[in-house]
Protein backbone atom coordinates (compact mmCIF):
# COMPACT_ATOMS: atom_id res chain seq x y z
CA UNK A 1 4.42 -7.39 20.36
CA UNK A 2 6.10 -9.79 17.88
CA UNK A 3 8.40 -8.76 15.81
CA UNK A 4 8.48 -8.35 11.09
CA UNK A 5 11.34 -11.78 12.32
CA UNK A 6 9.10 -13.58 13.50
CA UNK A 7 6.29 -15.46 11.65
CA UNK A 8 2.95 -15.82 13.33
CA UNK A 9 1.92 -19.83 13.06
CA UNK A 10 0.48 -20.79 16.19
CA UNK A 11 -1.68 -17.49 15.73
CA UNK A 12 -2.94 -18.43 12.33
CA UNK A 13 -3.32 -22.04 13.64
CA UNK A 14 -5.02 -21.88 16.97
CA UNK A 15 -7.59 -19.03 14.76
CA UNK A 16 -7.78 -21.04 11.82
CA UNK A 17 -8.37 -24.99 14.50
CA UNK A 18 -11.20 -22.15 15.85
CA UNK A 19 -13.38 -21.00 12.53
CA UNK A 20 -12.49 -25.28 10.95
CA UNK A 21 -15.18 -26.35 13.92
CA UNK A 22 -17.35 -24.03 12.06
CA UNK A 23 -19.88 -24.96 9.56
CA UNK A 24 -18.57 -22.80 7.12
CA UNK A 25 -16.52 -24.18 4.47
CA UNK A 26 -13.08 -23.64 3.72
CA UNK A 27 -11.28 -22.21 0.83
CA UNK A 28 -8.58 -20.94 -0.24
CA UNK A 29 -9.29 -17.14 -2.56
CA UNK A 30 -5.81 -15.33 -3.12
CA UNK A 31 -2.95 -17.20 -1.73
CA UNK A 32 -5.72 -17.64 1.55
CA UNK A 33 -8.37 -19.11 4.09
CA UNK A 34 -11.21 -17.74 3.96
CA UNK A 35 -14.27 -19.28 5.33
CA UNK A 36 -17.50 -19.34 3.70
CA UNK A 37 -21.43 -20.28 4.06
CA UNK A 38 -22.91 -20.92 0.80
CA UNK A 39 -20.64 -19.21 -1.45
CA UNK A 40 -20.49 -15.72 0.57
CA UNK A 41 -17.94 -14.65 2.22
CA UNK A 42 -17.85 -14.21 5.94
CA UNK A 43 -14.57 -14.73 8.15
CA UNK A 44 -11.32 -15.44 6.57
CA UNK A 45 -7.44 -14.21 8.81
CA UNK A 46 -4.29 -13.26 7.44
CA UNK A 47 -0.82 -12.63 9.25
CA UNK A 48 0.54 -9.38 8.49
CA UNK A 49 3.91 -7.19 9.73
CA UNK A 50 2.77 -5.71 12.87
CA UNK A 51 -0.34 -8.28 13.70
CA UNK A 52 -2.87 -11.29 12.05
CA UNK A 53 -5.62 -11.21 11.54
CA UNK A 54 -9.36 -11.80 11.05
CA UNK A 55 -11.77 -10.33 8.45
CA UNK A 56 -15.93 -10.26 8.63
CA UNK A 57 -16.67 -9.46 5.17
CA UNK A 58 -20.17 -8.02 6.46
CA UNK A 59 -18.61 -7.18 10.47
CA UNK A 60 -21.03 -3.80 10.17
CA UNK A 61 -23.53 -6.10 10.90
CA UNK A 62 -21.86 -7.74 13.80
CA UNK A 63 -23.15 -6.08 17.44
CA UNK A 64 -18.91 -5.62 18.58
CA UNK A 65 -19.73 -5.88 22.18
CA UNK A 66 -16.20 -6.04 23.25
CA UNK A 67 -15.29 -3.43 20.30
CA UNK A 68 -12.08 -5.68 18.96
CA UNK A 69 -13.07 -4.61 15.07
CA UNK A 70 -12.19 -2.42 13.18
CA UNK A 71 -12.62 -0.28 9.44
CA UNK A 72 -8.80 -0.40 8.40
CA UNK A 73 -9.76 2.03 6.16
CA UNK A 74 -12.65 4.81 6.71
CA UNK A 75 -14.17 6.33 3.86
CA UNK A 76 -13.35 3.71 2.16
CA UNK A 77 -13.67 -0.18 3.13
CA UNK A 78 -18.45 -0.15 4.27
CA UNK A 79 -18.95 -4.05 5.71
CA UNK A 80 -15.41 -5.06 5.85
CA UNK A 81 -14.17 -5.35 9.70
CA UNK A 82 -11.19 -6.65 11.26
CA UNK A 83 -9.98 -7.98 13.89
CA UNK A 84 -6.97 -7.39 14.67
CA UNK A 85 -4.04 -9.42 17.73
CA UNK A 86 -0.38 -8.71 18.19
CA UNK A 87 0.02 -11.86 20.48
CA UNK A 88 -1.60 -14.76 21.52
CA UNK A 89 -2.40 -14.17 24.27
CA UNK A 90 -5.00 -11.81 22.59
CA UNK A 91 -7.02 -15.00 21.35
CA UNK A 92 -9.69 -15.84 23.50
CA UNK A 93 -11.90 -19.17 21.81
CA UNK A 94 -14.86 -18.48 23.37
CA UNK A 95 -15.08 -14.08 22.33
CA UNK A 96 -14.59 -15.69 18.89
CA UNK A 97 -16.43 -18.65 18.40
CA UNK A 98 -19.50 -15.62 19.35
CA UNK A 99 -18.66 -13.55 16.30
CA UNK A 100 -17.37 -15.65 14.52
CA UNK A 101 -21.53 -17.13 15.20
CA UNK A 102 -22.68 -14.19 14.63
CA UNK A 103 -21.92 -13.63 11.39
CA UNK A 104 -22.69 -17.20 10.19
CA UNK A 105 -25.84 -15.86 12.06
CA UNK A 106 -25.65 -12.86 9.38
CA UNK A 107 -24.70 -14.58 6.62
CA UNK A 108 -27.85 -18.23 6.79
CA UNK A 109 -29.92 -13.98 6.70
CA UNK A 110 -28.62 -13.50 4.09
CA UNK A 111 -26.74 -9.32 5.51
CA UNK A 112 -25.19 -7.57 2.86
CA UNK A 113 -24.00 -4.53 2.42
CA UNK A 114 -24.86 -4.31 -1.43
CA UNK A 115 -22.41 -2.07 -3.23
CA UNK A 116 -22.88 1.54 -3.09
CA UNK A 117 -22.78 1.92 -7.76
CA UNK A 118 -19.72 3.99 -7.93
CA UNK A 119 -20.20 7.91 -9.82
CA UNK A 120 -19.04 9.02 -12.33
CA UNK A 121 -15.28 9.72 -12.06
CA UNK A 122 -13.29 12.38 -13.83
CA UNK A 123 -10.00 11.62 -16.12
CA UNK A 124 -7.07 14.14 -14.66
CA UNK A 125 -6.16 16.37 -17.00
CA UNK A 126 -2.86 14.71 -16.80
CA UNK A 127 -3.51 11.27 -17.92
CA UNK A 128 -6.12 13.07 -21.03
CA UNK A 129 -2.41 14.56 -22.20
CA UNK A 130 -0.54 10.90 -21.71
CA UNK A 131 -3.85 9.51 -23.35
CA UNK A 132 -3.15 12.74 -26.43
CA UNK A 133 1.06 11.63 -25.90
CA UNK A 134 0.75 7.63 -27.04
CA UNK A 135 -1.94 5.39 -28.74
CA UNK A 136 0.18 3.19 -26.89
CA UNK A 137 -0.89 4.15 -23.48
CA UNK A 138 -4.59 4.72 -24.23
CA UNK A 139 -4.97 1.60 -26.56
CA UNK A 140 -3.93 -0.34 -22.76
CA UNK A 141 -5.28 1.67 -20.26
CA UNK A 142 -8.63 0.62 -22.58
CA UNK A 143 -7.72 -3.28 -22.72
CA UNK A 144 -7.86 -2.82 -18.28
CA UNK A 145 -11.33 -3.75 -16.84
CA UNK A 146 -13.04 -0.81 -16.05
CA UNK A 147 -12.10 -1.05 -11.58
CA UNK A 148 -8.45 -1.31 -12.63
CA UNK A 149 -8.60 1.90 -14.80
CA UNK A 150 -10.95 3.16 -11.83
CA UNK A 151 -8.42 2.91 -9.27
CA UNK A 152 -5.14 4.47 -11.76
CA UNK A 153 -7.53 7.51 -12.05
CA UNK A 154 -9.07 8.11 -8.28
CA UNK A 155 -4.95 7.20 -7.81
CA UNK A 156 -4.17 10.49 -10.23
CA UNK A 157 -6.93 12.49 -9.06
CA UNK A 158 -6.36 11.66 -5.06
CA UNK A 159 -2.17 13.35 -5.15
CA UNK A 160 -2.49 17.60 -4.49
CA UNK A 161 0.55 18.94 -6.21
CA UNK A 162 1.20 18.31 -10.02
CA UNK A 163 4.87 17.34 -9.46
CA UNK A 164 3.04 14.69 -7.67
CA UNK A 165 1.31 13.43 -10.00
CA UNK A 166 3.34 13.72 -12.34
CA UNK A 167 5.38 11.12 -9.88
CA UNK A 168 2.01 8.80 -10.30
CA UNK A 169 2.56 8.78 -13.91
CA UNK A 170 5.29 7.68 -14.30
CA UNK A 171 5.06 4.91 -11.83
CA UNK A 172 1.75 2.92 -13.15
CA UNK A 173 2.85 4.01 -16.69
CA UNK A 174 4.83 0.59 -16.97
CA UNK A 175 2.35 -1.71 -15.02
CA UNK A 176 -0.60 -0.37 -17.11
CA UNK A 177 1.53 -0.90 -20.68
CA UNK A 178 2.10 -4.59 -18.80
CA UNK A 179 -1.85 -4.91 -18.83
CA UNK A 180 -1.16 -4.52 -14.38
CA UNK A 181 -3.53 -2.51 -11.77
CA UNK A 182 -2.14 -0.91 -9.67
CA UNK A 183 -3.40 -2.99 -6.26
CA UNK A 184 -2.93 -6.43 -7.88
CA UNK A 185 -0.25 -6.68 -5.55
CA UNK A 186 -2.63 -6.99 -3.28
CA UNK A 187 -5.05 -8.91 -4.31
């Protein structure tokens, strides 16, 4: 495995070259290469600290005969699947072409796992109290998109201890006042 000091230039270049051979349209989305078929995202690639990866936006439908695909966030991620590489020697062009061809086929067929509407979420008591304490805070929260509001509420609801909830509220308060989402830095 490469150290964090290394970059993934060689691996990213090899993967991008393989994707450029396809009929997919390359775009830059969220600062990274994303390959699309008729506007539908099919596959993207990026380097991270410990690996470089391809991700298939509708990877849940891929047959994955070589068992290389991962669900990076079990219980959260529904359709997306990642294929991680830690060395350039792991990049097998024929194997990758096969997976990408299957993903393109699924895109042409219109296979898509539709998002399930989220159920009603419960605003935690600590957040309700913060709203009562500061009209500015409540107003800033109300101006966030519903998705950003949900991220913050879920973040607070996932904490078990009151002390953790309090520290999380202290962390997110300036972000909310600035109109930022919890996960904006990753988008």
